[in-house]
PDB file of all heavy atoms in Angstrom:
ATOM      1  N   ALA A   1     113.026 134.504  92.352  1.00  0.00           N
ATOM      2  CA  ALA A   1     112.276 133.778  93.385  1.00  0.00           C
ATOM      3  C   ALA A   1     112.323 134.546  94.701  1.00  0.00           C
ATOM      4  O   ALA A   1     111.345 134.573  95.450  1.00  0.00           O
ATOM      5  CB  ALA A   1     112.853 132.376  93.564  1.00  0.00           C
ATOM      6  N   SER A   2     113.446 135.217  94.953  1.00  0.00           N
ATOM      7  CA  SER A   2     113.549 135.986  96.205  1.00  0.00           C
ATOM      8  C   SER A   2     112.532 137.133  96.234  1.00  0.00           C
ATOM      9  O   SER A   2     112.042 137.500  97.307  1.00  0.00           O
ATOM     10  CB  SER A   2     114.964 136.528  96.394  1.00  0.00           C
ATOM     11  OG  SER A   2     115.293 137.450  95.386  1.00  0.00           O
ATOM     12  N   MET A   3     112.191 137.678  95.066  1.00  0.00           N
ATOM     13  CA  MET A   3     111.181 138.738  95.015  1.00  0.00           C
ATOM     14  C   MET A   3     109.819 138.185  95.424  1.00  0.00           C
ATOM     15  O   MET A   3     109.086 138.802  96.194  1.00  0.00           O
ATOM     16  CB  MET A   3     111.113 139.345  93.614  1.00  0.00           C
ATOM     17  CG  MET A   3     110.082 140.461  93.482  1.00  0.00           C
ATOM     18  SD  MET A   3     110.367 141.879  94.574  1.00  0.00           S
ATOM     19  CE  MET A   3     111.883 142.502  93.937  1.00  0.00           C
ATOM     20  N   LEU A   4     109.483 137.006  94.939  1.00  0.00           N
ATOM     21  CA  LEU A   4     108.212 136.385  95.317  1.00  0.00           C
ATOM     22  C   LEU A   4     108.191 136.055  96.808  1.00  0.00           C
ATOM     23  O   LEU A   4     107.175 136.248  97.477  1.00  0.00           O
ATOM     24  CB  LEU A   4     107.958 135.130  94.485  1.00  0.00           C
ATOM     25  CG  LEU A   4     107.563 135.369  93.025  1.00  0.00           C
ATOM     26  CD1 LEU A   4     107.478 134.064  92.263  1.00  0.00           C
ATOM     27  CD2 LEU A   4     106.260 136.128  92.931  1.00  0.00           C
ATOM     28  N   PHE A   5     109.313 135.566  97.327  1.00  0.00           N
ATOM     29  CA  PHE A   5     109.377 135.287  98.766  1.00  0.00           C
ATOM     30  C   PHE A   5     109.231 136.585  99.570  1.00  0.00           C
ATOM     31  O   PHE A   5     108.585 136.609 100.619  1.00  0.00           O
ATOM     32  CB  PHE A   5     110.683 134.583  99.134  1.00  0.00           C
ATOM     33  CG  PHE A   5     110.682 133.119  98.807  1.00  0.00           C
ATOM     34  CD1 PHE A   5     111.547 132.607  97.849  1.00  0.00           C
ATOM     35  CD2 PHE A   5     109.818 132.242  99.450  1.00  0.00           C
ATOM     36  CE1 PHE A   5     111.552 131.258  97.548  1.00  0.00           C
ATOM     37  CE2 PHE A   5     109.813 130.885  99.157  1.00  0.00           C
ATOM     38  CZ  PHE A   5     110.685 130.399  98.197  1.00  0.00           C
ATOM     39  N   HIS A   6     109.819 137.656  99.059  1.00  0.00           N
ATOM     40  CA  HIS A   6     109.676 138.973  99.723  1.00  0.00           C
ATOM     41  C   HIS A   6     108.213 139.403  99.735  1.00  0.00           C
ATOM     42  O   HIS A   6     107.690 139.827 100.776  1.00  0.00           O
ATOM     43  CB  HIS A   6     110.550 139.999  99.010  1.00  0.00           C
ATOM     44  CG  HIS A   6     110.414 141.394  99.524  1.00  0.00           C
ATOM     45  ND1 HIS A   6     110.925 141.789 100.751  1.00  0.00           N
ATOM     46  CD2 HIS A   6     109.817 142.489  99.002  1.00  0.00           C
ATOM     47  CE1 HIS A   6     110.639 143.067 100.944  1.00  0.00           C
ATOM     48  NE2 HIS A   6     109.973 143.510  99.895  1.00  0.00           N
ATOM     49  N   TRP A   7     107.549 139.298  98.590  1.00  0.00           N
ATOM     50  CA  TRP A   7     106.133 139.678  98.531  1.00  0.00           C
ATOM     51  C   TRP A   7     105.299 138.794  99.451  1.00  0.00           C
ATOM     52  O   TRP A   7     104.372 139.264 100.102  1.00  0.00           O
ATOM     53  CB  TRP A   7     105.612 139.581  97.101  1.00  0.00           C
ATOM     54  CG  TRP A   7     106.203 140.599  96.161  1.00  0.00           C
ATOM     55  CD1 TRP A   7     106.854 141.748  96.492  1.00  0.00           C
ATOM     56  CD2 TRP A   7     106.210 140.536  94.741  1.00  0.00           C
ATOM     57  NE1 TRP A   7     107.259 142.406  95.365  1.00  0.00           N
ATOM     58  CE2 TRP A   7     106.873 141.691  94.266  1.00  0.00           C
ATOM     59  CE3 TRP A   7     105.725 139.630  93.813  1.00  0.00           C
ATOM     60  CZ2 TRP A   7     107.053 141.957  92.917  1.00  0.00           C
ATOM     61  CZ3 TRP A   7     105.900 139.888  92.472  1.00  0.00           C
ATOM     62  CH2 TRP A   7     106.562 141.040  92.024  1.00  0.00           C
ATOM     63  N   ARG A   8     105.636 137.507  99.516  1.00  0.00           N
ATOM     64  CA  ARG A   8     104.905 136.591 100.390  1.00  0.00           C
ATOM     65  C   ARG A   8     105.068 137.017 101.854  1.00  0.00           C
ATOM     66  O   ARG A   8     104.119 137.006 102.633  1.00  0.00           O
ATOM     67  CB  ARG A   8     105.411 135.161 100.210  1.00  0.00           C
ATOM     68  CG  ARG A   8     104.647 134.167 101.074  1.00  0.00           C
ATOM     69  CD  ARG A   8     105.244 132.789 100.997  1.00  0.00           C
ATOM     70  NE  ARG A   8     104.836 132.133  99.754  1.00  0.00           N
ATOM     71  CZ  ARG A   8     105.223 130.914  99.407  1.00  0.00           C
ATOM     72  NH1 ARG A   8     106.058 130.241 100.178  1.00  0.00           N
ATOM     73  NH2 ARG A   8     104.800 130.385  98.289  1.00  0.00           N
ATOM     74  N   ARG A   9     106.283 137.404 102.248  1.00  0.00           N
ATOM     75  CA  ARG A   9     106.526 137.850 103.617  1.00  0.00           C
ATOM     76  C   ARG A   9     105.712 139.116 103.918  1.00  0.00           C
ATOM     77  O   ARG A   9     105.152 139.272 105.005  1.00  0.00           O
ATOM     78  CB  ARG A   9     108.015 138.120 103.848  1.00  0.00           C
ATOM     79  CG  ARG A   9     108.338 138.337 105.324  1.00  0.00           C
ATOM     80  CD  ARG A   9     109.786 138.668 105.581  1.00  0.00           C
ATOM     81  NE  ARG A   9     109.972 140.089 105.331  1.00  0.00           N
ATOM     82  CZ  ARG A   9     110.808 140.605 104.446  1.00  0.00           C
ATOM     83  NH1 ARG A   9     111.569 139.836 103.719  1.00  0.00           N
ATOM     84  NH2 ARG A   9     110.903 141.899 104.269  1.00  0.00           N
ATOM     85  N   LEU A  10     105.609 140.009 102.937  1.00  0.00           N
ATOM     86  CA  LEU A  10     104.815 141.225 103.129  1.00  0.00           C
ATOM     87  C   LEU A  10     103.347 140.896 103.360  1.00  0.00           C
ATOM     88  O   LEU A  10     102.685 141.531 104.177  1.00  0.00           O
ATOM     89  CB  LEU A  10     104.964 142.153 101.919  1.00  0.00           C
ATOM     90  CG  LEU A  10     106.351 142.754 101.701  1.00  0.00           C
ATOM     91  CD1 LEU A  10     106.378 143.565 100.419  1.00  0.00           C
ATOM     92  CD2 LEU A  10     106.778 143.586 102.882  1.00  0.00           C
ATOM     93  N   VAL A  11     102.854 139.893 102.647  1.00  0.00           N
ATOM     94  CA  VAL A  11     101.468 139.459 102.843  1.00  0.00           C
ATOM     95  C   VAL A  11     101.297 138.938 104.261  1.00  0.00           C
ATOM     96  O   VAL A  11     100.335 139.270 104.954  1.00  0.00           O
ATOM     97  CB  VAL A  11     101.069 138.388 101.806  1.00  0.00           C
ATOM     98  CG1 VAL A  11      99.749 137.739 102.187  1.00  0.00           C
ATOM     99  CG2 VAL A  11     100.979 138.989 100.422  1.00  0.00           C
ATOM    100  N   GLU A  12     102.238 138.131 104.705  1.00  0.00           N
ATOM    101  CA  GLU A  12     102.156 137.554 106.049  1.00  0.00           C
ATOM    102  C   GLU A  12     102.233 138.628 107.132  1.00  0.00           C
ATOM    103  O   GLU A  12     101.621 138.506 108.180  1.00  0.00           O
ATOM    104  CB  GLU A  12     103.268 136.520 106.243  1.00  0.00           C
ATOM    105  CG  GLU A  12     103.055 135.275 105.411  1.00  0.00           C
ATOM    106  CD  GLU A  12     104.282 134.376 105.360  1.00  0.00           C
ATOM    107  OE1 GLU A  12     105.320 134.727 105.951  1.00  0.00           O
ATOM    108  OE2 GLU A  12     104.196 133.323 104.707  1.00  0.00           O
ATOM    109  N   GLU A  13     103.000 139.702 106.874  1.00  0.00           N
ATOM    110  CA  GLU A  13     103.127 140.800 107.841  1.00  0.00           C
ATOM    111  C   GLU A  13     101.922 141.738 107.791  1.00  0.00           C
ATOM    112  O   GLU A  13     101.787 142.612 108.634  1.00  0.00           O
ATOM    113  CB  GLU A  13     104.398 141.605 107.571  1.00  0.00           C
ATOM    114  CG  GLU A  13     105.661 140.865 107.878  1.00  0.00           C
ATOM    115  CD  GLU A  13     106.903 141.645 107.482  1.00  0.00           C
ATOM    116  OE1 GLU A  13     106.773 142.721 106.842  1.00  0.00           O
ATOM    117  OE2 GLU A  13     108.006 141.185 107.797  1.00  0.00           O
ATOM    118  N   GLY A  14     101.107 141.585 106.777  1.00  0.00           N
ATOM    119  CA  GLY A  14      99.932 142.441 106.656  1.00  0.00           C
ATOM    120  C   GLY A  14     100.215 143.768 105.992  1.00  0.00           C
ATOM    121  O   GLY A  14      99.419 144.694 106.081  1.00  0.00           O
ATOM    122  N   THR A  15     101.339 143.886 105.307  1.00  0.00           N
ATOM    123  CA  THR A  15     101.675 145.147 104.655  1.00  0.00           C
ATOM    124  C   THR A  15     101.467 145.083 103.148  1.00  0.00           C
ATOM    125  O   THR A  15     101.895 145.973 102.431  1.00  0.00           O
ATOM    126  CB  THR A  15     103.139 145.536 104.940  1.00  0.00           C
ATOM    127  OG1 THR A  15     103.980 144.459 104.521  1.00  0.00           O
ATOM    128  CG2 THR A  15     103.354 145.836 106.397  1.00  0.00           C
ATOM    129  N   MET A  16     100.789 144.062 102.687  1.00  0.00           N
ATOM    130  CA  MET A  16     100.562 143.904 101.254  1.00  0.00           C
ATOM    131  C   MET A  16      99.614 144.955 100.706  1.00  0.00           C
ATOM    132  O   MET A  16      99.583 145.216  99.526  1.00  0.00           O
ATOM    133  CB  MET A  16     100.002 142.503 100.973  1.00  0.00           C
ATOM    134  CG  MET A  16      99.861 142.174  99.526  1.00  0.00           C
ATOM    135  SD  MET A  16     101.452 142.010  98.736  1.00  0.00           S
ATOM    136  CE  MET A  16     100.978 141.219  97.249  1.00  0.00           C
ATOM    137  N   SER A  17      98.852 145.610 101.570  1.00  0.00           N
ATOM    138  CA  SER A  17      97.874 146.585 101.091  1.00  0.00           C
ATOM    139  C   SER A  17      98.536 147.765 100.403  1.00  0.00           C
ATOM    140  O   SER A  17      97.909 148.455  99.615  1.00  0.00           O
ATOM    141  CB  SER A  17      97.004 147.076 102.247  1.00  0.00           C
ATOM    142  OG  SER A  17      97.816 147.685 103.227  1.00  0.00           O
ATOM    143  N   SER A  18      99.809 148.014 100.672  1.00  0.00           N
ATOM    144  CA  SER A  18     100.471 149.152 100.049  1.00  0.00           C
ATOM    145  C   SER A  18     101.463 148.708  98.986  1.00  0.00           C
ATOM    146  O   SER A  18     102.527 149.275  98.844  1.00  0.00           O
ATOM    147  CB  SER A  18     101.188 149.982 101.112  1.00  0.00           C
ATOM    148  OG  SER A  18     102.189 149.212 101.713  1.00  0.00           O
ATOM    149  N   LEU A  19     101.105 147.696  98.234  1.00  0.00           N
ATOM    150  CA  LEU A  19     102.005 147.214  97.209  1.00  0.00           C
ATOM    151  C   LEU A  19     101.688 147.779  95.831  1.00  0.00           C
ATOM    152  O   LEU A  19     101.859 147.104  94.836  1.00  0.00           O
ATOM    153  CB  LEU A  19     101.976 145.686  97.143  1.00  0.00           C
ATOM    154  CG  LEU A  19     102.784 144.978  98.200  1.00  0.00           C
ATOM    155  CD1 LEU A  19     102.668 143.483  98.029  1.00  0.00           C
ATOM    156  CD2 LEU A  19     104.231 145.377  98.124  1.00  0.00           C
ATOM    157  N   GLY A  20     101.237 149.010  95.773  1.00  0.00           N
ATOM    158  CA  GLY A  20     101.027 149.643  94.483  1.00  0.00           C
ATOM    159  C   GLY A  20     102.361 149.861  93.800  1.00  0.00           C
ATOM    160  O   GLY A  20     103.422 149.770  94.404  1.00  0.00           O
ATOM    161  N   THR A  21     102.326 150.170  92.532  1.00  0.00           N
ATOM    162  CA  THR A  21     103.540 150.281  91.744  1.00  0.00           C
ATOM    163  C   THR A  21     104.516 151.306  92.298  1.00  0.00           C
ATOM    164  O   THR A  21     105.691 151.044  92.437  1.00  0.00           O
ATOM    165  CB  THR A  21     103.168 150.660  90.294  1.00  0.00           C
ATOM    166  OG1 THR A  21     102.238 149.700  89.823  1.00  0.00           O
ATOM    167  CG2 THR A  21     104.375 150.648  89.408  1.00  0.00           C
ATOM    168  N   GLU A  22     104.045 152.476  92.645  1.00  0.00           N
ATOM    169  CA  GLU A  22     104.928 153.546  93.094  1.00  0.00           C
ATOM    170  C   GLU A  22     104.952 153.705  94.606  1.00  0.00           C
ATOM    171  O   GLU A  22     105.538 154.642  95.121  1.00  0.00           O
ATOM    172  CB  GLU A  22     104.494 154.876  92.447  1.00  0.00           C
ATOM    173  CG  GLU A  22     104.556 154.872  90.932  1.00  0.00           C
ATOM    174  CD  GLU A  22     105.963 154.680  90.407  1.00  0.00           C
ATOM    175  OE1 GLU A  22     106.913 155.197  91.012  1.00  0.00           O
ATOM    176  OE2 GLU A  22     106.122 153.987  89.385  1.00  0.00           O
ATOM    177  N   GLU A  23     104.302 152.827  95.334  1.00  0.00           N
ATOM    178  CA  GLU A  23     104.215 152.969  96.779  1.00  0.00           C
ATOM    179  C   GLU A  23     105.300 152.162  97.460  1.00  0.00           C
ATOM    180  O   GLU A  23     105.637 151.070  97.041  1.00  0.00           O
ATOM    181  CB  GLU A  23     102.839 152.482  97.265  1.00  0.00           C
ATOM    182  CG  GLU A  23     101.690 153.273  96.703  1.00  0.00           C
ATOM    183  CD  GLU A  23     100.350 152.673  97.084  1.00  0.00           C
ATOM    184  OE1 GLU A  23     100.329 151.685  97.830  1.00  0.00           O
ATOM    185  OE2 GLU A  23      99.343 153.188  96.630  1.00  0.00           O
ATOM    186  N   SER A  24     105.836 152.728  98.536  1.00  0.00           N
ATOM    187  CA  SER A  24     106.816 151.975  99.296  1.00  0.00           C
ATOM    188  C   SER A  24     106.096 151.216 100.406  1.00  0.00           C
ATOM    189  O   SER A  24     105.013 151.592 100.829  1.00  0.00           O
ATOM    190  CB  SER A  24     107.850 152.916  99.900  1.00  0.00           C
ATOM    191  OG  SER A  24     107.223 153.829 100.768  1.00  0.00           O
ATOM    192  N   VAL A  25     106.715 150.161 100.864  1.00  0.00           N
ATOM    193  CA  VAL A  25     106.122 149.325 101.893  1.00  0.00           C
ATOM    194  C   VAL A  25     106.821 149.613 103.207  1.00  0.00           C
ATOM    195  O   VAL A  25     108.040 149.570 103.298  1.00  0.00           O
ATOM    196  CB  VAL A  25     106.270 147.834 101.526  1.00  0.00           C
ATOM    197  CG1 VAL A  25     105.726 146.961 102.623  1.00  0.00           C
ATOM    198  CG2 VAL A  25     105.566 147.551 100.219  1.00  0.00           C
ATOM    199  N   VAL A  26     106.036 149.951 104.224  1.00  0.00           N
ATOM    200  CA  VAL A  26     106.586 150.245 105.537  1.00  0.00           C
ATOM    201  C   VAL A  26     105.863 149.356 106.546  1.00  0.00           C
ATOM    202  O   VAL A  26     104.638 149.337 106.591  1.00  0.00           O
ATOM    203  CB  VAL A  26     106.358 151.736 105.890  1.00  0.00           C
ATOM    204  CG1 VAL A  26     106.909 152.044 107.253  1.00  0.00           C
ATOM    205  CG2 VAL A  26     106.984 152.639 104.842  1.00  0.00           C
ATOM    206  N   PRO A  27     106.611 148.630 107.364  1.00  0.00           N
ATOM    207  CA  PRO A  27     105.964 147.789 108.373  1.00  0.00           C
ATOM    208  C   PRO A  27     105.151 148.625 109.358  1.00  0.00           C
ATOM    209  O   PRO A  27     105.484 149.786 109.633  1.00  0.00           O
ATOM    210  CB  PRO A  27     107.140 147.110 109.089  1.00  0.00           C
ATOM    211  CG  PRO A  27     108.284 147.225 108.154  1.00  0.00           C
ATOM    212  CD  PRO A  27     108.047 148.466 107.344  1.00  0.00           C
ATOM    213  N   GLU A  28     104.098 148.031 109.874  1.00  0.00           N
ATOM    214  CA  GLU A  28     103.207 148.741 110.792  1.00  0.00           C
ATOM    215  C   GLU A  28     103.945 149.219 112.032  1.00  0.00           C
ATOM    216  O   GLU A  28     103.672 150.297 112.557  1.00  0.00           O
ATOM    217  CB  GLU A  28     102.040 147.834 111.192  1.00  0.00           C
ATOM    218  CG  GLU A  28     100.968 148.557 111.978  1.00  0.00           C
ATOM    219  CD  GLU A  28      99.768 147.673 112.251  1.00  0.00           C
ATOM    220  OE1 GLU A  28      99.584 146.667 111.563  1.00  0.00           O
ATOM    221  OE2 GLU A  28      99.029 148.017 113.182  1.00  0.00           O
ATOM    222  N   SER A  29     104.912 148.448 112.510  1.00  0.00           N
ATOM    223  CA  SER A  29     105.677 148.847 113.693  1.00  0.00           C
ATOM    224  C   SER A  29     106.450 150.137 113.424  1.00  0.00           C
ATOM    225  O   SER A  29     106.546 151.008 114.288  1.00  0.00           O
ATOM    226  CB  SER A  29     106.645 147.745 114.107  1.00  0.00           C
ATOM    227  OG  SER A  29     107.546 147.456 113.058  1.00  0.00           O
ATOM    228  N   GLU A  30     106.974 150.271 112.216  1.00  0.00           N
ATOM    229  CA  GLU A  30     107.693 151.491 111.839  1.00  0.00           C
ATOM    230  C   GLU A  30     106.732 152.679 111.785  1.00  0.00           C
ATOM    231  O   GLU A  30     107.068 153.777 112.215  1.00  0.00           O
ATOM    232  CB  GLU A  30     108.385 151.284 110.490  1.00  0.00           C
ATOM    233  CG  GLU A  30     109.174 152.471 109.999  1.00  0.00           C
ATOM    234  CD  GLU A  30     110.483 152.687 110.746  1.00  0.00           C
ATOM    235  OE1 GLU A  30     110.850 151.858 111.595  1.00  0.00           O
ATOM    236  OE2 GLU A  30     111.134 153.704 110.489  1.00  0.00           O
ATOM    237  N   VAL A  31     105.540 152.460 111.267  1.00  0.00           N
ATOM    238  CA  VAL A  31     104.534 153.519 111.199  1.00  0.00           C
ATOM    239  C   VAL A  31     104.183 153.997 112.604  1.00  0.00           C
ATOM    240  O   VAL A  31     104.136 155.200 112.875  1.00  0.00           O
ATOM    241  CB  VAL A  31     103.265 153.042 110.452  1.00  0.00           C
ATOM    242  CG1 VAL A  31     102.140 154.048 110.578  1.00  0.00           C
ATOM    243  CG2 VAL A  31     103.574 152.769 108.989  1.00  0.00           C
ATOM    244  N   LYS A  32     103.962 153.052 113.512  1.00  0.00           N
ATOM    245  CA  LYS A  32     103.611 153.417 114.892  1.00  0.00           C
ATOM    246  C   LYS A  32     104.745 154.174 115.561  1.00  0.00           C
ATOM    247  O   LYS A  32     104.520 155.149 116.273  1.00  0.00           O
ATOM    248  CB  LYS A  32     103.252 152.172 115.699  1.00  0.00           C
ATOM    249  CG  LYS A  32     101.906 151.599 115.325  1.00  0.00           C
ATOM    250  CD  LYS A  32     101.560 150.397 116.160  1.00  0.00           C
ATOM    251  CE  LYS A  32     100.183 149.869 115.776  1.00  0.00           C
ATOM    252  NZ  LYS A  32      99.800 148.717 116.568  1.00  0.00           N
ATOM    253  N   ARG A  33     105.984 153.741 115.329  1.00  0.00           N
ATOM    254  CA  ARG A  33     107.135 154.423 115.915  1.00  0.00           C
ATOM    255  C   ARG A  33     107.233 155.854 115.397  1.00  0.00           C
ATOM    256  O   ARG A  33     107.444 156.796 116.164  1.00  0.00           O
ATOM    257  CB  ARG A  33     108.424 153.667 115.600  1.00  0.00           C
ATOM    258  CG  ARG A  33     109.660 154.253 116.291  1.00  0.00           C
ATOM    259  CD  ARG A  33     110.945 153.594 115.813  1.00  0.00           C
ATOM    260  NE  ARG A  33     111.244 153.869 114.423  1.00  0.00           N
ATOM    261  CZ  ARG A  33     111.768 155.020 113.985  1.00  0.00           C
ATOM    262  NH1 ARG A  33     112.003 156.011 114.813  1.00  0.00           N
ATOM    263  NH2 ARG A  33     112.021 155.189 112.707  1.00  0.00           N
ATOM    264  N   LEU A  34     107.038 156.014 114.095  1.00  0.00           N
ATOM    265  CA  LEU A  34     107.107 157.354 113.505  1.00  0.00           C
ATOM    266  C   LEU A  34     105.958 158.243 113.971  1.00  0.00           C
ATOM    267  O   LEU A  34     106.139 159.442 114.189  1.00  0.00           O
ATOM    268  CB  LEU A  34     107.129 157.252 111.977  1.00  0.00           C
ATOM    269  CG  LEU A  34     108.412 156.653 111.393  1.00  0.00           C
ATOM    270  CD1 LEU A  34     108.252 156.413 109.902  1.00  0.00           C
ATOM    271  CD2 LEU A  34     109.607 157.529 111.683  1.00  0.00           C
ATOM    272  N   GLN A  35     104.771 157.663 114.150  1.00  0.00           N
ATOM    273  CA  GLN A  35     103.640 158.444 114.668  1.00  0.00           C
ATOM    274  C   GLN A  35     103.921 158.921 116.086  1.00  0.00           C
ATOM    275  O   GLN A  35     103.609 160.066 116.432  1.00  0.00           O
ATOM    276  CB  GLN A  35     102.358 157.620 114.625  1.00  0.00           C
ATOM    277  CG  GLN A  35     101.798 157.445 113.235  1.00  0.00           C
ATOM    278  CD  GLN A  35     100.620 156.495 113.182  1.00  0.00           C
ATOM    279  OE1 GLN A  35     100.450 155.628 114.041  1.00  0.00           O
ATOM    280  NE2 GLN A  35      99.786 156.636 112.146  1.00  0.00           N
ATOM    281  N   ALA A  36     104.519 158.065 116.909  1.00  0.00           N
ATOM    282  CA  ALA A  36     104.869 158.463 118.276  1.00  0.00           C
ATOM    283  C   ALA A  36     105.928 159.559 118.257  1.00  0.00           C
ATOM    284  O   ALA A  36     105.865 160.511 119.048  1.00  0.00           O
ATOM    285  CB  ALA A  36     105.373 157.253 119.055  1.00  0.00           C
ATOM    286  N   GLN A  37     106.857 159.458 117.331  1.00  0.00           N
ATOM    287  CA  GLN A  37     107.900 160.482 117.217  1.00  0.00           C
ATOM    288  C   GLN A  37     107.289 161.817 116.791  1.00  0.00           C
ATOM    289  O   GLN A  37     107.662 162.863 117.327  1.00  0.00           O
ATOM    290  CB  GLN A  37     108.960 160.037 116.215  1.00  0.00           C
ATOM    291  CG  GLN A  37     110.132 160.993 116.111  1.00  0.00           C
ATOM    292  CD  GLN A  37     111.193 160.503 115.134  1.00  0.00           C
ATOM    293  OE1 GLN A  37     110.998 159.526 114.421  1.00  0.00           O
ATOM    294  NE2 GLN A  37     112.311 161.187 115.111  1.00  0.00           N
ATOM    295  N   VAL A  38     106.368 161.790 115.846  1.00  0.00           N
ATOM    296  CA  VAL A  38     105.700 163.023 115.417  1.00  0.00           C
ATOM    297  C   VAL A  38     104.938 163.648 116.580  1.00  0.00           C
ATOM    298  O   VAL A  38     104.989 164.861 116.801  1.00  0.00           O
ATOM    299  CB  VAL A  38     104.751 162.741 114.220  1.00  0.00           C
ATOM    300  CG1 VAL A  38     103.819 163.909 113.968  1.00  0.00           C
ATOM    301  CG2 VAL A  38     105.555 162.419 112.971  1.00  0.00           C
ATOM    302  N   LYS A  39     104.239 162.811 117.344  1.00  0.00           N
ATOM    303  CA  LYS A  39     103.479 163.311 118.495  1.00  0.00           C
ATOM    304  C   LYS A  39     104.408 163.992 119.506  1.00  0.00           C
ATOM    305  O   LYS A  39     104.099 165.069 120.017  1.00  0.00           O
ATOM    306  CB  LYS A  39     102.727 162.152 119.154  1.00  0.00           C
ATOM    307  CG  LYS A  39     101.778 162.574 120.238  1.00  0.00           C
ATOM    308  CD  LYS A  39     100.994 161.384 120.767  1.00  0.00           C
ATOM    309  CE  LYS A  39     100.026 161.813 121.844  1.00  0.00           C
ATOM    310  NZ  LYS A  39      99.217 160.697 122.336  1.00  0.00           N
ATOM    311  N   GLU A  40     105.546 163.373 119.778  1.00  0.00           N
ATOM    312  CA  GLU A  40     106.518 163.953 120.719  1.00  0.00           C
ATOM    313  C   GLU A  40     107.087 165.258 120.177  1.00  0.00           C
ATOM    314  O   GLU A  40     107.224 166.242 120.908  1.00  0.00           O
ATOM    315  CB  GLU A  40     107.646 162.946 120.996  1.00  0.00           C
ATOM    316  CG  GLU A  40     108.753 163.477 121.872  1.00  0.00           C
ATOM    317  CD  GLU A  40     108.323 163.802 123.289  1.00  0.00           C
ATOM    318  OE1 GLU A  40     107.222 163.404 123.725  1.00  0.00           O
ATOM    319  OE2 GLU A  40     109.107 164.476 123.994  1.00  0.00           O
TER     320      GLU A  40
END
């Protein structure tokens, strides 16, 4: 049940689009932080 709750939270955060079998899920805030770090 915790897995379903986890997937539900991902949907609510808007990160469900990357829920392919071999894909990892990264929150958008983490992506933005990493993009800023790459730019710097």
